[in-house]
Amino acid sequence: MRVHEPPEDDRFESLGNVVLTPHVAGSTHRSQELSAQMVVQTVLQAARGELPHGLVNPEVWDHRRRA
């Protein structure tokens, strides 16, 4: 399935409870700072051998390569 962005139809534009913004609307200095902090925390968790928060495929964690 191929996804087109923005959607090629107007299904969201006709809804009164939806505000459409470009992707950069959420890119504030604070959101960038928080994203960087989350990346660092996740890397540190993995380095300590802890299951990283938000791991998409945790079933492979026990099969990871170790240095």
PDB file of N, CA and C in Angstrom:
ATOM      1  N   MET A   1       0.838  -1.176   0.000  1.00  0.00           N
ATOM      2  CA  MET A   1       0.000   0.000   0.000  1.00  0.00           C
ATOM      3  C   MET A   1       0.887   1.245   0.000  1.00  0.00           C
ATOM      4  N   ARG A   2       0.620   2.124  -0.869  1.00  0.00           N
ATOM      5  CA  ARG A   2       1.389   3.359  -0.955  1.00  0.00           C
ATOM      6  C   ARG A   2       0.600   4.488  -0.300  1.00  0.00           C
ATOM      7  N   VAL A   3       1.260   5.212   0.559  1.00  0.00           N
ATOM      8  CA  VAL A   3       0.619   6.322   1.260  1.00  0.00           C
ATOM      9  C   VAL A   3       1.064   7.624   0.612  1.00  0.00           C
ATOM     10  N   HIS A   4       0.115   8.481   0.356  1.00  0.00           N
ATOM     11  CA  HIS A   4       0.413   9.783  -0.217  1.00  0.00           C
ATOM     12  C   HIS A   4       0.217  10.849   0.840  1.00  0.00           C
ATOM     13  N   GLU A   5       1.198  11.725   0.947  1.00  0.00           N
ATOM     14  CA  GLU A   5       1.078  12.833   1.869  1.00  0.00           C
ATOM     15  C   GLU A   5       1.361  14.126   1.150  1.00  0.00           C
ATOM     16  N   PRO A   6       0.525  15.078   1.287  1.00  0.00           N
ATOM     17  CA  PRO A   6      -0.729  15.035   2.033  1.00  0.00           C
ATOM     18  C   PRO A   6      -1.742  14.158   1.314  1.00  0.00           C
ATOM     19  N   PRO A   7      -2.811  13.770   2.014  1.00  0.00           N
ATOM     20  CA  PRO A   7      -3.826  12.936   1.368  1.00  0.00           C
ATOM     21  C   PRO A   7      -4.323  13.609   0.086  1.00  0.00           C
ATOM     22  N   GLU A   8      -4.648  12.787  -0.881  1.00  0.00           N
ATOM     23  CA  GLU A   8      -5.065  13.319  -2.172  1.00  0.00           C
ATOM     24  C   GLU A   8      -6.533  13.701  -2.213  1.00  0.00           C
ATOM     25  N   ASP A   9      -7.244  13.480  -1.118  1.00  0.00           N
ATOM     26  CA  ASP A   9      -8.652  13.877  -1.069  1.00  0.00           C
ATOM     27  C   ASP A   9      -8.831  14.909   0.042  1.00  0.00           C
ATOM     28  N   ASP A  10     -10.055  15.362   0.219  1.00  0.00           N
ATOM     29  CA  ASP A  10     -10.308  16.413   1.205  1.00  0.00           C
ATOM     30  C   ASP A  10     -11.077  15.916   2.428  1.00  0.00           C
ATOM     31  N   ARG A  11     -10.917  14.632   2.759  1.00  0.00           N
ATOM     32  CA  ARG A  11     -11.712  14.058   3.854  1.00  0.00           C
ATOM     33  C   ARG A  11     -11.490  14.765   5.186  1.00  0.00           C
ATOM     34  N   PHE A  12     -10.336  15.324   5.416  1.00  0.00           N
ATOM     35  CA  PHE A  12     -10.084  16.005   6.685  1.00  0.00           C
ATOM     36  C   PHE A  12     -10.481  17.475   6.628  1.00  0.00           C
ATOM     37  N   GLU A  13     -10.369  18.070   5.471  1.00  0.00           N
ATOM     38  CA  GLU A  13     -10.690  19.487   5.332  1.00  0.00           C
ATOM     39  C   GLU A  13     -12.148  19.785   5.631  1.00  0.00           C
ATOM     40  N   SER A  14     -13.016  18.834   5.435  1.00  0.00           N
ATOM     41  CA  SER A  14     -14.442  19.073   5.637  1.00  0.00           C
ATOM     42  C   SER A  14     -14.889  18.861   7.083  1.00  0.00           C
ATOM     43  N   LEU A  15     -13.991  18.430   7.958  1.00  0.00           N
ATOM     44  CA  LEU A  15     -14.339  18.182   9.353  1.00  0.00           C
ATOM     45  C   LEU A  15     -14.150  19.448  10.183  1.00  0.00           C
ATOM     46  N   GLY A  16     -15.165  19.778  10.967  1.00  0.00           N
ATOM     47  CA  GLY A  16     -15.105  20.978  11.782  1.00  0.00           C
ATOM     48  C   GLY A  16     -14.232  20.850  13.020  1.00  0.00           C
ATOM     49  N   ASN A  17     -13.898  19.621  13.408  1.00  0.00           N
ATOM     50  CA  ASN A  17     -13.103  19.410  14.623  1.00  0.00           C
ATOM     51  C   ASN A  17     -11.652  19.062  14.321  1.00  0.00           C
ATOM     52  N   VAL A  18     -11.169  19.444  13.122  1.00  0.00           N
ATOM     53  CA  VAL A  18      -9.804  19.131  12.719  1.00  0.00           C
ATOM     54  C   VAL A  18      -9.094  20.421  12.327  1.00  0.00           C
ATOM     55  N   VAL A  19      -7.871  20.573  12.820  1.00  0.00           N
ATOM     56  CA  VAL A  19      -7.024  21.694  12.428  1.00  0.00           C
ATOM     57  C   VAL A  19      -5.852  21.113  11.642  1.00  0.00           C
ATOM     58  N   LEU A  20      -5.703  21.522  10.417  1.00  0.00           N
ATOM     59  CA  LEU A  20      -4.625  21.026   9.565  1.00  0.00           C
ATOM     60  C   LEU A  20      -3.432  21.975   9.644  1.00  0.00           C
ATOM     61  N   THR A  21      -2.253  21.390   9.883  1.00  0.00           N
ATOM     62  CA  THR A  21      -1.021  22.180   9.943  1.00  0.00           C
ATOM     63  C   THR A  21       0.072  21.441   9.186  1.00  0.00           C
ATOM     64  N   PRO A  22       1.086  22.148   8.739  1.00  0.00           N
ATOM     65  CA  PRO A  22       2.216  21.452   8.114  1.00  0.00           C
ATOM     66  C   PRO A  22       2.981  20.676   9.173  1.00  0.00           C
ATOM     67  N   HIS A  23       3.805  19.741   8.744  1.00  0.00           N
ATOM     68  CA  HIS A  23       4.572  18.919   9.676  1.00  0.00           C
ATOM     69  C   HIS A  23       5.417  19.740  10.630  1.00  0.00           C
ATOM     70  N   VAL A  24       5.897  20.867  10.196  1.00  0.00           N
ATOM     71  CA  VAL A  24       6.780  21.677  11.031  1.00  0.00           C
ATOM     72  C   VAL A  24       6.046  22.401  12.141  1.00  0.00           C
ATOM     73  N   ALA A  25       4.737  22.319  12.184  1.00  0.00           N
ATOM     74  CA  ALA A  25       3.977  23.026  13.212  1.00  0.00           C
ATOM     75  C   ALA A  25       4.366  22.574  14.613  1.00  0.00           C
ATOM     76  N   GLY A  26       4.779  21.337  14.775  1.00  0.00           N
ATOM     77  CA  GLY A  26       5.162  20.832  16.089  1.00  0.00           C
ATOM     78  C   GLY A  26       6.648  20.946  16.372  1.00  0.00           C
ATOM     79  N   SER A  27       7.393  21.518  15.457  1.00  0.00           N
ATOM     80  CA  SER A  27       8.842  21.607  15.616  1.00  0.00           C
ATOM     81  C   SER A  27       9.239  22.900  16.325  1.00  0.00           C
ATOM     82  N   THR A  28       8.968  22.935  17.599  1.00  0.00           N
ATOM     83  CA  THR A  28       9.378  24.078  18.398  1.00  0.00           C
ATOM     84  C   THR A  28      10.750  23.776  19.005  1.00  0.00           C
ATOM     85  N   HIS A  29      11.381  24.790  19.543  1.00  0.00           N
ATOM     86  CA  HIS A  29      12.669  24.566  20.206  1.00  0.00           C
ATOM     87  C   HIS A  29      12.500  23.567  21.350  1.00  0.00           C
ATOM     88  N   ARG A  30      11.403  23.689  22.083  1.00  0.00           N
ATOM     89  CA  ARG A  30      11.156  22.797  23.221  1.00  0.00           C
ATOM     90  C   ARG A  30      10.925  21.362  22.754  1.00  0.00           C
ATOM     91  N   SER A  31      10.163  21.170  21.686  1.00  0.00           N
ATOM     92  CA  SER A  31       9.920  19.804  21.210  1.00  0.00           C
ATOM     93  C   SER A  31      11.206  19.169  20.700  1.00  0.00           C
ATOM     94  N   GLN A  32      12.064  19.953  20.067  1.00  0.00           N
ATOM     95  CA  GLN A  32      13.350  19.438  19.609  1.00  0.00           C
ATOM     96  C   GLN A  32      14.231  19.057  20.793  1.00  0.00           C
ATOM     97  N   GLU A  33      14.204  19.873  21.835  1.00  0.00           N
ATOM     98  CA  GLU A  33      14.972  19.580  23.046  1.00  0.00           C
ATOM     99  C   GLU A  33      14.493  18.288  23.696  1.00  0.00           C
ATOM    100  N   LEU A  34      13.181  18.138  23.816  1.00  0.00           N
ATOM    101  CA  LEU A  34      12.623  16.920  24.418  1.00  0.00           C
ATOM    102  C   LEU A  34      12.929  15.686  23.576  1.00  0.00           C
ATOM    103  N   SER A  35      12.874  15.826  22.266  1.00  0.00           N
ATOM    104  CA  SER A  35      13.207  14.698  21.388  1.00  0.00           C
ATOM    105  C   SER A  35      14.651  14.268  21.586  1.00  0.00           C
ATOM    106  N   ALA A  36      15.548  15.239  21.667  1.00  0.00           N
ATOM    107  CA  ALA A  36      16.964  14.913  21.875  1.00  0.00           C
ATOM    108  C   ALA A  36      17.170  14.222  23.214  1.00  0.00           C
ATOM    109  N   GLN A  37      16.468  14.687  24.250  1.00  0.00           N
ATOM    110  CA  GLN A  37      16.581  14.056  25.570  1.00  0.00           C
ATOM    111  C   GLN A  37      16.076  12.619  25.538  1.00  0.00           C
ATOM    112  N   MET A  38      14.979  12.388  24.821  1.00  0.00           N
ATOM    113  CA  MET A  38      14.441  11.030  24.728  1.00  0.00           C
ATOM    114  C   MET A  38      15.401  10.104  23.996  1.00  0.00           C
ATOM    115  N   VAL A  39      16.054  10.609  22.946  1.00  0.00           N
ATOM    116  CA  VAL A  39      17.023   9.795  22.217  1.00  0.00           C
ATOM    117  C   VAL A  39      18.177   9.405  23.134  1.00  0.00           C
ATOM    118  N   VAL A  40      18.694  10.377  23.869  1.00  0.00           N
ATOM    119  CA  VAL A  40      19.813  10.106  24.782  1.00  0.00           C
ATOM    120  C   VAL A  40      19.403   9.084  25.837  1.00  0.00           C
ATOM    121  N   GLN A  41      18.234   9.247  26.426  1.00  0.00           N
ATOM    122  CA  GLN A  41      17.767   8.319  27.457  1.00  0.00           C
ATOM    123  C   GLN A  41      17.630   6.898  26.890  1.00  0.00           C
ATOM    124  N   THR A  42      17.107   6.782  25.685  1.00  0.00           N
ATOM    125  CA  THR A  42      16.934   5.470  25.060  1.00  0.00           C
ATOM    126  C   THR A  42      18.275   4.807  24.778  1.00  0.00           C
ATOM    127  N   VAL A  43      19.226   5.581  24.280  1.00  0.00           N
ATOM    128  CA  VAL A  43      20.564   5.038  24.014  1.00  0.00           C
ATOM    129  C   VAL A  43      21.213   4.580  25.318  1.00  0.00           C
ATOM    130  N   LEU A  44      21.078   5.385  26.373  1.00  0.00           N
ATOM    131  CA  LEU A  44      21.653   5.014  27.669  1.00  0.00           C
ATOM    132  C   LEU A  44      20.996   3.755  28.232  1.00  0.00           C
ATOM    133  N   GLN A  45      19.693   3.627  28.069  1.00  0.00           N
ATOM    134  CA  GLN A  45      19.009   2.411  28.518  1.00  0.00           C
ATOM    135  C   GLN A  45      19.583   1.195  27.801  1.00  0.00           C
ATOM    136  N   ALA A  46      19.713   1.286  26.502  1.00  0.00           N
ATOM    137  CA  ALA A  46      20.236   0.157  25.726  1.00  0.00           C
ATOM    138  C   ALA A  46      21.672  -0.143  26.130  1.00  0.00           C
ATOM    139  N   ALA A  47      22.480   0.885  26.356  1.00  0.00           N
ATOM    140  CA  ALA A  47      23.878   0.683  26.744  1.00  0.00           C
ATOM    141  C   ALA A  47      23.999  -0.006  28.104  1.00  0.00           C
ATOM    142  N   ARG A  48      23.026   0.242  28.977  1.00  0.00           N
ATOM    143  CA  ARG A  48      23.023  -0.418  30.290  1.00  0.00           C
ATOM    144  C   ARG A  48      22.428  -1.821  30.226  1.00  0.00           C
ATOM    145  N   GLY A  49      21.963  -2.219  29.057  1.00  0.00           N
ATOM    146  CA  GLY A  49      21.357  -3.533  28.906  1.00  0.00           C
ATOM    147  C   GLY A  49      19.893  -3.564  29.285  1.00  0.00           C
ATOM    148  N   GLU A  50      19.301  -2.391  29.466  1.00  0.00           N
ATOM    149  CA  GLU A  50      17.880  -2.292  29.809  1.00  0.00           C
ATOM    150  C   GLU A  50      17.054  -2.249  28.532  1.00  0.00           C
ATOM    151  N   LEU A  51      15.868  -2.786  28.594  1.00  0.00           N
ATOM    152  CA  LEU A  51      14.951  -2.740  27.463  1.00  0.00           C
ATOM    153  C   LEU A  51      14.593  -1.273  27.211  1.00  0.00           C
ATOM    154  N   PRO A  52      14.941  -0.728  26.050  1.00  0.00           N
ATOM    155  CA  PRO A  52      14.657   0.680  25.782  1.00  0.00           C
ATOM    156  C   PRO A  52      13.157   0.959  25.712  1.00  0.00           C
ATOM    157  N   HIS A  53      12.764   2.082  26.254  1.00  0.00           N
ATOM    158  CA  HIS A  53      11.367   2.504  26.196  1.00  0.00           C
ATOM    159  C   HIS A  53      10.951   2.682  24.732  1.00  0.00           C
ATOM    160  N   GLY A  54       9.803   2.153  24.379  1.00  0.00           N
ATOM    161  CA  GLY A  54       9.274   2.328  23.036  1.00  0.00           C
ATOM    162  C   GLY A  54       9.848   1.392  21.988  1.00  0.00           C
ATOM    163  N   LEU A  55      10.572   0.366  22.418  1.00  0.00           N
ATOM    164  CA  LEU A  55      11.130  -0.577  21.451  1.00  0.00           C
ATOM    165  C   LEU A  55       9.992  -1.215  20.654  1.00  0.00           C
ATOM    166  N   VAL A  56      10.086  -1.129  19.346  1.00  0.00           N
ATOM    167  CA  VAL A  56       8.996  -1.580  18.482  1.00  0.00           C
ATOM    168  C   VAL A  56       8.904  -3.097  18.417  1.00  0.00           C
ATOM    169  N   ASN A  57      10.042  -3.779  18.442  1.00  0.00           N
ATOM    170  CA  ASN A  57      10.045  -5.238  18.326  1.00  0.00           C
ATOM    171  C   ASN A  57      10.782  -5.863  19.516  1.00  0.00           C
ATOM    172  N   PRO A  58      10.196  -5.804  20.709  1.00  0.00           N
ATOM    173  CA  PRO A  58      10.880  -6.302  21.907  1.00  0.00           C
ATOM    174  C   PRO A  58      11.195  -7.795  21.860  1.00  0.00           C
ATOM    175  N   GLU A  59      10.549  -8.534  20.978  1.00  0.00           N
ATOM    176  CA  GLU A  59      10.805  -9.978  20.901  1.00  0.00           C
ATOM    177  C   GLU A  59      12.226 -10.280  20.436  1.00  0.00           C
ATOM    178  N   VAL A  60      12.918  -9.318  19.834  1.00  0.00           N
ATOM    179  CA  VAL A  60      14.286  -9.563  19.379  1.00  0.00           C
ATOM    180  C   VAL A  60      15.328  -9.115  20.400  1.00  0.00           C
ATOM    181  N   TRP A  61      14.895  -8.470  21.476  1.00  0.00           N
ATOM    182  CA  TRP A  61      15.840  -7.914  22.455  1.00  0.00           C
ATOM    183  C   TRP A  61      16.797  -8.966  22.999  1.00  0.00           C
ATOM    184  N   ASP A  62      16.317 -10.138  23.308  1.00  0.00           N
ATOM    185  CA  ASP A  62      17.166 -11.180  23.876  1.00  0.00           C
ATOM    186  C   ASP A  62      18.126 -11.788  22.850  1.00  0.00           C
ATOM    187  N   HIS A  63      17.954 -11.469  21.584  1.00  0.00           N
ATOM    188  CA  HIS A  63      18.811 -12.015  20.527  1.00  0.00           C
ATOM    189  C   HIS A  63      19.775 -10.968  19.972  1.00  0.00           C
ATOM    190  N   ARG A  64      19.920  -9.852  20.649  1.00  0.00           N
ATOM    191  CA  ARG A  64      20.782  -8.777  20.150  1.00  0.00           C
ATOM    192  C   ARG A  64      22.252  -9.156  20.275  1.00  0.00           C
ATOM    193  N   ARG A  65      23.058  -8.513  19.467  1.00  0.00           N
ATOM    194  CA  ARG A  65      24.508  -8.722  19.536  1.00  0.00           C
ATOM    195  C   ARG A  65      25.067  -7.926  20.693  1.00  0.00           C
ATOM    196  N   ARG A  66      25.998  -8.483  21.375  1.00  0.00           N
ATOM    197  CA  ARG A  66      26.648  -7.789  22.482  1.00  0.00           C
ATOM    198  C   ARG A  66      28.126  -7.667  22.166  1.00  0.00           C
ATOM    199  N   ALA A  67      28.696  -6.518  22.498  1.00  0.00           N
ATOM    200  CA  ALA A  67      30.121  -6.267  22.221  1.00  0.00           C
ATOM    201  C   ALA A  67      30.988  -6.986  23.235  1.00  0.00           C
TER     202      ALA A  67
END
